[in-house]
Structure formats: structure tokens, C-alpha cells
Amino acid sequence: MLSLRSQHTSPTVHSGRIMRWMPFVVFALTFFYGPCQTPAGYIVQWGEVVRPAPTGGDFVAIQGFLTGAAAIRSDGTIAAWGNDNYGEVSQVPTGTGFIKLGGGGNTGYAIRPDGSIAAWGSDVYGQVSQTPTGTGFTDVRASEYFSLALRSDGSIAAWGNDGFSVVSKTPTGTGFVAVAAYDITGYALRSDGTIAAWGDFDPFRQVSGSPSGAGFSSIAASLFSAYALRTDGSIAAWGQNSNGSLSNTPVGTGFTEIAGGVFTGMAIRSDTTIAAWGLNDRGQVSHAPVEPGFFAISQGNRIGYGLNINEIASPTSGVPEPPAWVLAVSSLPMLIGLRFYRRRNSKRIRPEISSTALPKSKSSCPHSADFQPVLLPRLVLSVQFTCVRSSLALCGLSPSAPLDDAVPVEGEKGDIARS
């Protein structure tokens, strides 16, 4: 007869079995469950779209440039699209294993698993050739003129054009957890949640107007302005208030990510939808998608980018195209005018008139009808243009939005940072 004691396994045996299986359990959780923590999705772009975005739903990170963008797939490969004036597309690094993207202007950066940086694109100010070597970098951001990289110890490396001391005045020391750059202003977030800003070009107080105090969790730079996200999910904005880039900043809490552009701000709400505000001359605000499911955003020059877990349609252009009937109606004045012109002048034989033979004044012109062919097309074009605008207005469209405050295009600012 077996004793009841012999039917039970000692606690020591259980502990030994658990310890023997523990490495396999950790490996399984890391290999199978770990990758699922990084969401993957589809690329969505809107505003002044330059080129179609790559397809597929396996993208995990995205970065907008001046006239293009790049995105990392789940296998660590990089896809780039847009204009290729400086090799932003053709020089993109090959291979797998890239874990993070950065960049600005026409220069791109990617971080490898060991923390080393790959750079490509424009090298006008040494943005590529002066990229720091070595490992241990965790983030990299850039403007059109200079770049910033964050080391694992919280120190910052800066390189590129030192106009307005934007490189030489980069904060020293450690303890920084995030960096941001745009145009000729740099920003950094300390581990205590305070913000550091630098650069001698400060007419809009984008440097001196940085909020004081702690409690910030992320930061994004815009043209002559900046945004910071507080720990409660509210957004702070400062700098130049052009086209509502500050005054239209959404209020409330619950925002999870922010991004800046050319007088335009974007943020992801807690329900994973996108909020956009500011300059809307290319539809970068009004064409922002309304669907939920976004987990990453970025901006280029008048264009927005996002990653969504669902496949949704991207507008092909920030300038709406009028319906066919609008074009047909608007062409009627031209057709009528041409018909009138042909009937009136079909039987008239008019001699060639040289420029020297033209009358010097209207009163000295005995045959003013001879010059109607010059005036009539102008009148018809004016009427047609008016009809086009009126027809578009009836559709709720606008053929071209006005540029408030003479907004500069980033690629056309010239060498502002060279002084």
C-alpha cells in the first residue's frame, strides 16, 4: 500500500522544473509576443503629395522630409519616396535591422540596433559627411541646416551649419531624453520634463518663449514655433502664430503624439484620430484623415504623413480637382466667344499690320474693329476665369487658397542660416 506522502512531489522538484523551463519561456515570450508590441500599419499621406507612397501594411515608423519621406518595415528595411534631388530616395540605406528614423530638409537618418547612424541625402552643410560615428545613439532629428543626435547617456551631438550658433550653443551635459530641430532652432527635453531651447535667431520668441517648468513628455519643432506634450496629454505651443499655428492648437488632454511642419501642427488623440491645425494652403489641415487607427505621424513641407493599422485611402493632391460639369460649364464662354469671333471675321480681309504701323492713341485709330481680335480673347478669358471661380464656389471648392502672411516655402528661404 502506497502512502499518501509518496503521491506528492516535493516543492524542490517543482522549483527545479520551473527553473529548467524558464529560459524557454522567456525566449518564447520575446520571440513571439515581443514583436507584437510594435504596431505595423499602412502609409497615409495628404496635402501637397509629391509621389505615391509604398503599399503594404507592415510599416512601423515614418519620417517626413522636405519633399518626400521614408518608412521602416517590420523587417527593418527602409522604403523612401518623393523627389530625389539630393539622393533622398536613391541613396537610402539597404539591408535590414533599422529600428528608428530621423531627418529633416533633404537629409535622412536611420539608427541601427547597435545605435550607429546611417545618413543619406543632402550634404550641403555636412549633414551626411559630419554625422557622428560610433554606437549608442537613440534618436536623431534634423532641420534643413543642422542635425541633432541623442546618445544613450542623454548627451547631445550637433553638426551642420552653425548659423545663429545653433550648433555651438547646443546644451552640454547628460540627462536629455528627446531632441527636436527645425530651420535654425534646436530643442531638447530633459529627464525632469523641462525644455531647453537655443539659437540666436529669436524674433518670434521660439527660443525665449519656451515654457518653463516640468511635466513635459515630448517635443516637436515647427517653422518659427514649437509644440510640447505634457504628461496629461495637453499641448503647449509657442513662437510665431501664423495661420493659426498657435491660436488653433487643440485644447484638452489625451493627446499621445505631436508633430510640427511649416506653420502646421498635428497630434494623435487618445481615440487614435488625427488633429491638424494651422496653415492649410495645400489641404494639409482640411484633408487630414478622420479615420481612427493612427499610431505614428510626421510632416514634410506642406504634407502630412501617418501610419494606420487599417488601410485607408490617401488623397492624391492637396488641391481639389473640380467635377467634370464645372469644367464643361466654365468652357462655355470660350466656345461662345470663339464662335462669335469666327462669324464676325470670316468674310473680312485684313492686311498685315506691323508694330511700327500701329496707331499711337485710340483716337487716331480709324478702324478700332481691326484690333478686336486682341481684346476679345482677353475678355473671354476673364469671363471664363470668373465662371470657373463661381462654379468652384458652388461646389464648396477653392482653386487656390490664399497665402496668409506671405508664408515662405522652406526650400525657397535661401541661405538664411549662413550669416
Protein backbone atom coordinates (compact mmCIF):
# COMPACT_ATOMS: atom_id res chain seq x y z
CA MET A 1 0.00 0.00 0.00
CA LEU A 2 1.37 3.35 -1.03
CA SER A 3 1.48 6.07 1.50
CA LEU A 4 -0.17 9.40 0.79
CA ARG A 5 3.21 11.10 1.23
CA SER A 6 4.66 9.28 -1.78
CA GLN A 7 1.89 10.59 -4.04
CA HIS A 8 3.04 14.21 -3.73
CA THR A 9 6.05 15.86 -5.37
CA SER A 10 8.23 17.97 -3.13
CA PRO A 11 8.37 21.74 -3.67
CA THR A 12 12.03 21.44 -4.55
CA VAL A 13 11.21 19.29 -7.56
CA HIS A 14 8.65 21.86 -8.78
CA SER A 15 11.17 24.68 -8.40
CA GLY A 16 13.76 22.75 -10.34
CA ARG A 17 11.40 22.10 -13.23
CA ILE A 18 10.33 25.73 -13.36
CA MET A 19 13.93 26.93 -13.44
CA ARG A 20 14.81 24.48 -16.22
CA TRP A 21 11.91 25.69 -18.39
CA MET A 22 12.27 29.39 -17.57
CA PRO A 23 14.80 30.21 -20.37
CA PHE A 24 12.49 28.65 -22.95
CA VAL A 25 9.52 30.60 -21.61
CA VAL A 26 11.44 33.89 -21.77
CA PHE A 27 12.62 33.12 -25.30
CA ALA A 28 9.08 32.29 -26.44
CA LEU A 29 7.63 35.47 -24.95
CA THR A 30 10.35 37.59 -26.51
CA PHE A 31 10.25 35.95 -29.93
CA PHE A 32 6.51 35.57 -30.36
CA TYR A 33 4.92 38.21 -28.15
CA GLY A 34 7.64 40.88 -28.16
CA PRO A 35 7.36 41.87 -31.85
CA CYS A 36 3.61 42.32 -31.46
CA GLN A 37 4.26 45.27 -29.13
CA THR A 38 5.30 47.43 -32.09
CA PRO A 39 2.23 48.09 -34.25
CA ALA A 40 2.52 47.87 -38.00
CA GLY A 41 0.32 49.65 -40.49
CA TYR A 42 -0.28 51.35 -43.81
CA ILE A 43 1.11 54.69 -45.02
CA VAL A 44 -1.34 57.57 -45.39
CA GLN A 45 -0.31 60.94 -46.85
CA TRP A 46 -2.23 64.13 -47.54
CA GLY A 47 -1.60 67.75 -48.52
CA GLU A 48 0.92 68.57 -51.26
CA VAL A 49 1.57 64.94 -52.16
CA VAL A 50 4.66 64.54 -54.35
CA ARG A 51 4.71 60.83 -55.16
CA PRO A 52 2.53 57.81 -54.30
CA ALA A 53 3.52 56.10 -51.07
CA PRO A 54 4.66 52.47 -50.89
CA THR A 55 1.91 49.94 -50.33
CA GLY A 56 1.65 47.24 -47.70
CA GLY A 57 0.65 47.12 -44.06
CA ASP A 58 3.99 46.26 -42.44
CA PHE A 59 5.39 49.74 -41.72
CA VAL A 60 6.36 50.57 -38.14
CA ALA A 61 7.95 54.05 -38.36
CA ILE A 62 7.76 57.05 -40.72
CA GLN A 63 9.71 60.28 -41.24
CA GLY A 64 8.82 63.20 -43.50
CA PHE A 65 11.43 65.21 -45.41
CA LEU A 66 11.18 68.46 -47.38
CA THR A 67 9.66 66.86 -50.49
CA GLY A 68 9.48 63.18 -49.63
CA ALA A 69 9.53 60.64 -46.83
CA ALA A 70 10.90 57.33 -45.62
CA ALA A 71 9.38 54.48 -43.62
CA ILE A 72 10.69 51.37 -41.88
CA ARG A 73 9.09 48.00 -42.45
CA SER A 74 8.70 45.39 -39.72
CA ASP A 75 11.78 43.56 -41.03
CA GLY A 76 13.90 46.69 -40.60
CA THR A 77 14.20 47.61 -44.28
CA ILE A 78 13.67 51.21 -45.38
CA ALA A 79 11.37 52.43 -48.16
CA ALA A 80 11.74 56.00 -49.46
CA TRP A 81 9.69 58.01 -51.96
CA GLY A 82 9.31 61.57 -53.22
CA ASN A 83 11.73 63.86 -55.01
CA ASP A 84 15.30 62.61 -55.41
CA ASN A 85 17.16 65.88 -55.91
CA TYR A 86 19.77 65.05 -53.28
CA GLY A 87 19.59 61.27 -53.26
CA GLU A 88 16.83 61.16 -50.65
CA VAL A 89 15.40 58.12 -52.44
CA SER A 90 18.24 56.57 -54.44
CA GLN A 91 20.78 56.71 -51.59
CA VAL A 92 18.54 55.21 -48.91
CA PRO A 93 20.42 52.53 -46.92
CA THR A 94 19.83 48.93 -47.88
CA GLY A 95 19.67 45.88 -45.65
CA THR A 96 17.53 45.04 -42.64
CA GLY A 97 17.54 45.73 -38.92
CA PHE A 98 16.98 49.50 -38.82
CA ILE A 99 14.93 50.46 -35.80
CA LYS A 100 14.35 54.24 -35.97
CA LEU A 101 14.16 57.08 -38.50
CA GLY A 102 15.03 60.75 -38.30
CA GLY A 103 15.78 63.61 -40.63
CA GLY A 104 14.75 66.96 -41.97
CA GLY A 105 15.22 69.13 -45.04
CA ASN A 106 16.57 66.81 -47.71
CA THR A 107 18.61 64.58 -45.37
CA GLY A 108 17.60 61.29 -43.82
CA TYR A 109 18.95 59.27 -40.89
CA ALA A 110 18.34 55.74 -39.65
CA ILE A 111 19.51 54.09 -36.45
CA ARG A 112 20.77 50.50 -36.37
CA PRO A 113 20.26 48.13 -33.41
CA ASP A 114 23.75 48.94 -32.08
CA GLY A 115 22.93 52.63 -32.03
CA SER A 116 25.04 53.62 -35.04
CA ILE A 117 23.64 56.16 -37.52
CA ALA A 118 23.25 55.79 -41.29
CA ALA A 119 22.91 59.10 -43.17
CA TRP A 120 21.94 59.93 -46.75
CA GLY A 121 20.67 62.77 -48.90
CA SER A 122 21.75 66.41 -48.91
CA ASP A 123 25.27 67.14 -47.62
CA VAL A 124 25.30 70.87 -48.36
CA TYR A 125 26.19 71.73 -44.76
CA GLY A 126 27.89 68.46 -43.84
CA GLN A 127 24.69 66.83 -42.63
CA VAL A 128 25.87 63.49 -44.06
CA SER A 129 29.68 63.65 -44.01
CA GLN A 130 29.82 65.05 -40.46
CA THR A 131 27.39 62.51 -39.00
CA PRO A 132 28.97 61.19 -35.78
CA THR A 133 30.38 57.70 -35.90
CA GLY A 134 30.26 55.08 -33.18
CA THR A 135 27.34 53.44 -31.43
CA GLY A 136 24.94 54.19 -28.62
CA PHE A 137 22.68 56.75 -30.30
CA THR A 138 18.98 56.51 -29.54
CA ASP A 139 17.43 59.31 -31.62
CA VAL A 140 18.33 61.77 -34.38
CA ARG A 141 16.48 64.86 -35.63
CA ALA A 142 17.36 67.48 -38.22
CA SER A 143 16.37 70.68 -39.96
CA GLU A 144 17.39 71.88 -43.41
CA TYR A 145 20.64 73.25 -41.94
CA PHE A 146 21.78 71.22 -38.92
CA SER A 147 21.22 67.92 -37.13
CA LEU A 148 20.98 66.63 -33.56
CA ALA A 149 21.57 63.13 -32.22
CA LEU A 150 20.83 61.83 -28.73
CA ARG A 151 23.25 59.40 -27.07
CA SER A 152 22.22 56.68 -24.64
CA ASP A 153 23.77 58.67 -21.75
CA GLY A 154 21.50 61.61 -22.53
CA SER A 155 24.13 63.84 -24.16
CA ILE A 156 23.55 65.60 -27.49
CA ALA A 157 25.72 65.66 -30.61
CA ALA A 158 25.20 68.52 -33.08
CA TRP A 159 26.61 69.12 -36.56
CA GLY A 160 25.94 71.06 -39.75
CA ASN A 161 25.61 74.80 -40.39
CA ASP A 162 26.31 76.86 -37.26
CA GLY A 163 24.36 79.90 -38.40
CA PHE A 164 22.94 81.79 -35.41
CA SER A 165 25.04 79.49 -33.15
CA VAL A 166 22.52 76.69 -33.45
CA VAL A 167 25.31 74.09 -33.33
CA SER A 168 27.83 75.72 -31.00
CA LYS A 169 25.20 76.59 -28.39
CA THR A 170 23.78 73.07 -28.19
CA PRO A 171 23.43 72.21 -24.47
CA THR A 172 26.19 70.11 -22.94
CA GLY A 173 25.94 67.51 -20.23
CA THR A 174 23.69 64.48 -19.93
CA GLY A 175 20.14 63.73 -18.87
CA PHE A 176 18.32 64.66 -22.08
CA VAL A 177 15.65 62.27 -23.34
CA ALA A 178 14.47 63.85 -26.62
CA VAL A 179 15.61 66.38 -29.23
CA ALA A 180 13.88 68.39 -31.98
CA ALA A 181 15.05 70.75 -34.72
CA TYR A 182 13.51 72.96 -37.37
CA ASP A 183 15.04 75.66 -39.52
CA ILE A 184 17.61 77.37 -37.24
CA THR A 185 16.30 76.48 -33.77
CA GLY A 186 17.06 73.49 -31.58
CA TYR A 187 15.09 71.98 -28.71
CA ALA A 188 15.74 69.28 -26.14
CA LEU A 189 13.71 67.67 -23.37
CA ARG A 190 15.38 66.87 -20.05
CA SER A 191 14.63 63.82 -17.96
CA ASP A 192 12.84 66.01 -15.40
CA GLY A 193 10.40 67.18 -18.07
CA THR A 194 11.85 70.65 -18.61
CA ILE A 195 12.64 72.13 -22.03
CA ALA A 196 15.89 73.58 -23.36
CA ALA A 197 15.84 75.80 -26.48
CA TRP A 198 18.70 77.52 -28.29
CA GLY A 199 19.68 79.55 -31.36
CA ASP A 200 20.34 83.28 -31.75
CA PHE A 201 17.51 83.83 -34.25
CA ASP A 202 14.59 84.55 -31.96
CA PRO A 203 12.28 87.24 -33.47
CA PHE A 204 9.15 85.22 -32.67
CA ARG A 205 10.32 84.09 -29.22
CA GLN A 206 10.50 80.50 -30.39
CA VAL A 207 13.55 80.26 -28.09
CA SER A 208 12.93 82.68 -25.24
CA GLY A 209 9.22 81.89 -25.17
CA SER A 210 9.71 78.20 -24.38
CA PRO A 211 7.50 77.18 -21.45
CA SER A 212 9.17 76.92 -18.08
CA GLY A 213 8.55 74.26 -15.52
CA ALA A 214 8.47 70.48 -15.74
CA GLY A 215 5.85 67.97 -16.75
CA PHE A 216 6.55 67.64 -20.48
CA SER A 217 6.91 64.25 -22.12
CA SER A 218 7.73 65.01 -25.78
CA ILE A 219 8.57 67.94 -28.05
CA ALA A 220 8.16 68.82 -31.74
CA ALA A 221 9.63 71.72 -33.71
CA SER A 222 7.82 73.75 -36.36
CA LEU A 223 8.78 76.73 -38.52
CA PHE A 224 9.45 79.58 -36.05
CA SER A 225 7.35 77.80 -33.42
CA ALA A 226 7.26 74.61 -31.39
CA TYR A 227 4.91 72.24 -29.55
CA ALA A 228 5.35 70.24 -26.39
CA LEU A 229 3.20 67.46 -24.99
CA ARG A 230 2.52 67.40 -21.27
CA THR A 231 2.19 64.22 -19.24
CA ASP A 232 -1.58 64.71 -19.07
CA GLY A 233 -1.75 64.76 -22.88
CA SER A 234 -2.32 68.51 -23.29
CA ILE A 235 -0.34 70.56 -25.81
CA ALA A 236 1.72 73.70 -25.22
CA ALA A 237 2.55 75.93 -28.22
CA TRP A 238 4.80 78.97 -28.58
CA GLY A 239 6.55 81.07 -31.21
CA GLN A 240 5.03 82.68 -34.29
CA ASN A 241 1.26 82.49 -34.55
CA SER A 242 0.95 82.33 -38.33
CA ASN A 243 -2.24 80.97 -39.91
CA GLY A 244 -3.47 79.83 -36.50
CA SER A 245 -0.45 77.62 -35.88
CA LEU A 246 -0.64 78.61 -32.20
CA SER A 247 -4.12 80.00 -31.63
CA ASN A 248 -5.79 76.98 -33.21
CA THR A 249 -3.81 74.46 -31.21
CA PRO A 250 -6.36 72.00 -29.82
CA VAL A 251 -7.16 72.23 -26.12
CA GLY A 252 -7.91 69.42 -23.74
CA THR A 253 -5.96 66.35 -22.73
CA GLY A 254 -5.42 62.84 -24.00
CA PHE A 255 -3.11 63.53 -26.94
CA THR A 256 -0.40 60.92 -27.37
CA GLU A 257 1.91 62.25 -30.11
CA ILE A 258 2.70 65.58 -31.79
CA ALA A 259 4.46 66.69 -34.99
CA GLY A 260 5.36 70.08 -36.47
CA GLY A 261 5.74 71.40 -40.02
CA VAL A 262 5.53 74.67 -41.96
CA PHE A 263 3.14 76.64 -39.73
CA THR A 264 1.15 73.43 -39.26
CA GLY A 265 0.76 71.21 -36.22
CA MET A 266 -0.56 67.67 -35.89
CA ALA A 267 -1.37 65.42 -32.98
CA ILE A 268 -2.84 61.99 -32.33
CA ARG A 269 -5.79 61.88 -29.95
CA SER A 270 -6.45 59.14 -27.42
CA ASP A 271 -9.00 57.64 -29.82
CA THR A 272 -6.18 57.31 -32.43
CA THR A 273 -7.63 60.00 -34.74
CA ILE A 274 -5.57 62.94 -36.03
CA ALA A 275 -5.97 66.60 -35.14
CA ALA A 276 -4.42 69.11 -37.56
CA TRP A 277 -4.30 72.91 -37.42
CA GLY A 278 -2.51 75.92 -38.89
CA LEU A 279 -1.58 76.66 -42.50
CA ASN A 280 -3.94 74.95 -44.94
CA ASP A 281 -2.81 76.20 -48.35
CA ARG A 282 -2.34 72.65 -49.70
CA GLY A 283 -5.03 70.83 -47.77
CA GLN A 284 -2.60 69.66 -45.08
CA VAL A 285 -5.24 70.51 -42.45
CA SER A 286 -8.60 70.09 -44.18
CA HIS A 287 -7.53 66.86 -45.89
CA ALA A 288 -6.23 65.23 -42.73
CA PRO A 289 -7.89 61.80 -42.47
CA VAL A 290 -10.71 61.40 -39.97
CA GLU A 291 -10.47 57.62 -39.56
CA PRO A 292 -9.10 56.16 -36.30
CA GLY A 293 -6.22 53.72 -36.08
CA PHE A 294 -3.19 56.04 -36.31
CA PHE A 295 -0.14 55.29 -34.19
CA ALA A 296 2.56 57.46 -35.86
CA ILE A 297 2.63 60.86 -37.63
CA SER A 298 5.19 63.09 -39.30
CA GLN A 299 5.27 66.18 -41.52
CA GLY A 300 7.09 67.38 -44.61
CA ASN A 301 6.78 70.67 -46.45
CA ARG A 302 3.00 71.21 -46.58
CA ILE A 303 2.29 67.49 -46.40
CA GLY A 304 1.24 65.17 -43.62
CA TYR A 305 2.17 61.52 -43.13
CA GLY A 306 0.71 58.88 -40.86
CA LEU A 307 0.71 55.16 -40.15
CA ASN A 308 -2.64 53.50 -39.65
CA ILE A 309 -3.33 49.90 -38.64
CA ASN A 310 -6.06 49.86 -41.29
CA GLU A 311 -5.72 50.50 -45.00
CA ILE A 312 -7.47 53.78 -45.84
CA ALA A 313 -7.41 55.96 -48.95
CA SER A 314 -4.89 58.77 -49.31
CA PRO A 315 -5.77 61.93 -51.25
CA THR A 316 -3.56 62.30 -54.31
CA SER A 317 -3.33 66.08 -54.11
CA GLY A 318 -3.93 68.87 -51.65
CA VAL A 319 -5.62 70.98 -54.36
CA PRO A 320 -9.13 69.62 -55.03
CA GLU A 321 -9.99 68.86 -58.64
CA PRO A 322 -13.34 70.29 -59.83
CA PRO A 323 -16.04 67.95 -61.15
CA ALA A 324 -16.37 67.43 -64.89
CA TRP A 325 -19.55 69.51 -65.13
CA VAL A 326 -17.70 72.50 -63.64
CA LEU A 327 -15.09 72.31 -66.39
CA ALA A 328 -17.81 71.95 -69.02
CA VAL A 329 -19.77 74.98 -67.77
CA SER A 330 -16.63 77.10 -67.44
CA SER A 331 -15.65 76.37 -71.04
CA LEU A 332 -18.92 77.77 -72.48
CA PRO A 333 -17.76 81.43 -72.54
CA MET A 334 -14.67 80.46 -74.53
CA LEU A 335 -16.70 78.45 -77.07
CA ILE A 336 -19.26 81.22 -77.48
CA GLY A 337 -16.56 83.85 -77.82
CA LEU A 338 -14.63 81.89 -80.44
CA ARG A 339 -17.84 81.27 -82.40
CA PHE A 340 -18.68 84.98 -82.32
CA TYR A 341 -15.16 85.90 -83.38
CA ARG A 342 -15.14 83.50 -86.34
CA ARG A 343 -18.55 84.61 -87.65
CA ARG A 344 -17.68 88.28 -87.42
CA ASN A 345 -14.27 87.98 -89.07
CA SER A 346 -14.84 85.14 -91.55
CA LYS A 347 -15.53 87.48 -94.52
CA ARG A 348 -13.21 90.31 -93.51
CA ILE A 349 -9.89 90.62 -95.29
CA ARG A 350 -7.45 92.44 -93.07
CA PRO A 351 -3.96 93.43 -94.17
CA GLU A 352 -0.84 92.57 -92.15
CA ILE A 353 -0.08 95.36 -89.72
CA SER A 354 3.46 95.83 -88.46
CA SER A 355 4.24 97.09 -84.98
CA THR A 356 5.55 100.37 -86.40
CA ALA A 357 2.26 100.97 -88.15
CA LEU A 358 0.16 100.70 -85.01
CA PRO A 359 -1.62 103.91 -84.02
CA LYS A 360 -0.16 105.79 -81.09
CA SER A 361 -3.51 106.52 -79.47
CA LYS A 362 -7.03 105.22 -79.54
CA SER A 363 -8.35 108.46 -81.03
CA SER A 364 -6.06 108.12 -84.05
CA CYS A 365 -7.32 104.64 -84.84
CA PRO A 366 -9.90 104.86 -87.67
CA HIS A 367 -10.61 101.13 -87.65
CA SER A 368 -10.86 100.10 -83.99
CA ALA A 369 -12.63 96.91 -85.08
CA ASP A 370 -9.33 95.68 -86.55
CA PHE A 371 -7.95 95.36 -83.01
CA GLN A 372 -10.89 93.48 -81.50
CA PRO A 373 -9.16 90.10 -82.02
CA VAL A 374 -6.63 91.22 -79.40
CA LEU A 375 -9.21 92.50 -76.90
CA LEU A 376 -11.78 89.73 -77.37
CA PRO A 377 -9.66 86.77 -76.17
CA ARG A 378 -8.69 88.73 -73.06
CA LEU A 379 -12.33 89.46 -72.31
CA VAL A 380 -13.32 85.84 -72.92
CA LEU A 381 -10.54 84.56 -70.67
CA SER A 382 -11.58 86.98 -67.93
CA VAL A 383 -15.20 85.82 -68.16
CA GLN A 384 -14.13 82.18 -68.20
CA PHE A 385 -11.92 82.64 -65.15
CA THR A 386 -14.83 84.27 -63.30
CA CYS A 387 -17.10 81.36 -64.27
CA VAL A 388 -14.55 78.84 -63.06
CA ARG A 389 -14.25 80.50 -59.65
CA SER A 390 -18.03 80.86 -59.34
CA SER A 391 -18.58 77.22 -60.29
CA LEU A 392 -15.99 76.03 -57.80
CA ALA A 393 -17.56 78.18 -55.12
CA LEU A 394 -20.91 76.48 -55.73
CA CYS A 395 -19.16 73.15 -55.15
CA GLY A 396 -17.56 74.33 -51.95
CA LEU A 397 -14.12 74.14 -53.55
CA SER A 398 -11.36 76.67 -53.97
CA PRO A 399 -8.97 76.67 -56.93
CA SER A 400 -6.19 78.15 -54.82
CA ALA A 401 -6.14 79.08 -51.16
CA PRO A 402 -4.60 82.45 -50.26
CA LEU A 403 -1.19 82.51 -48.67
CA ASP A 404 -1.61 84.36 -45.40
CA ASP A 405 1.27 86.44 -44.05
CA ALA A 406 3.40 85.72 -47.14
CA VAL A 407 4.30 82.24 -45.92
CA PRO A 408 7.73 81.17 -47.25
CA VAL A 409 8.31 77.77 -48.78
CA GLU A 410 11.04 76.08 -46.81
CA GLY A 411 13.02 75.16 -49.89
CA GLU A 412 12.91 78.79 -51.07
CA LYS A 413 14.11 80.58 -47.94
CA GLY A 414 17.66 80.80 -49.26
CA ASP A 415 20.76 80.78 -47.14
CA ILE A 416 19.24 82.33 -44.04
CA ALA A 417 21.49 80.24 -41.80
CA ARG A 418 24.74 81.21 -43.49
CA SER A 419 25.02 84.62 -41.87
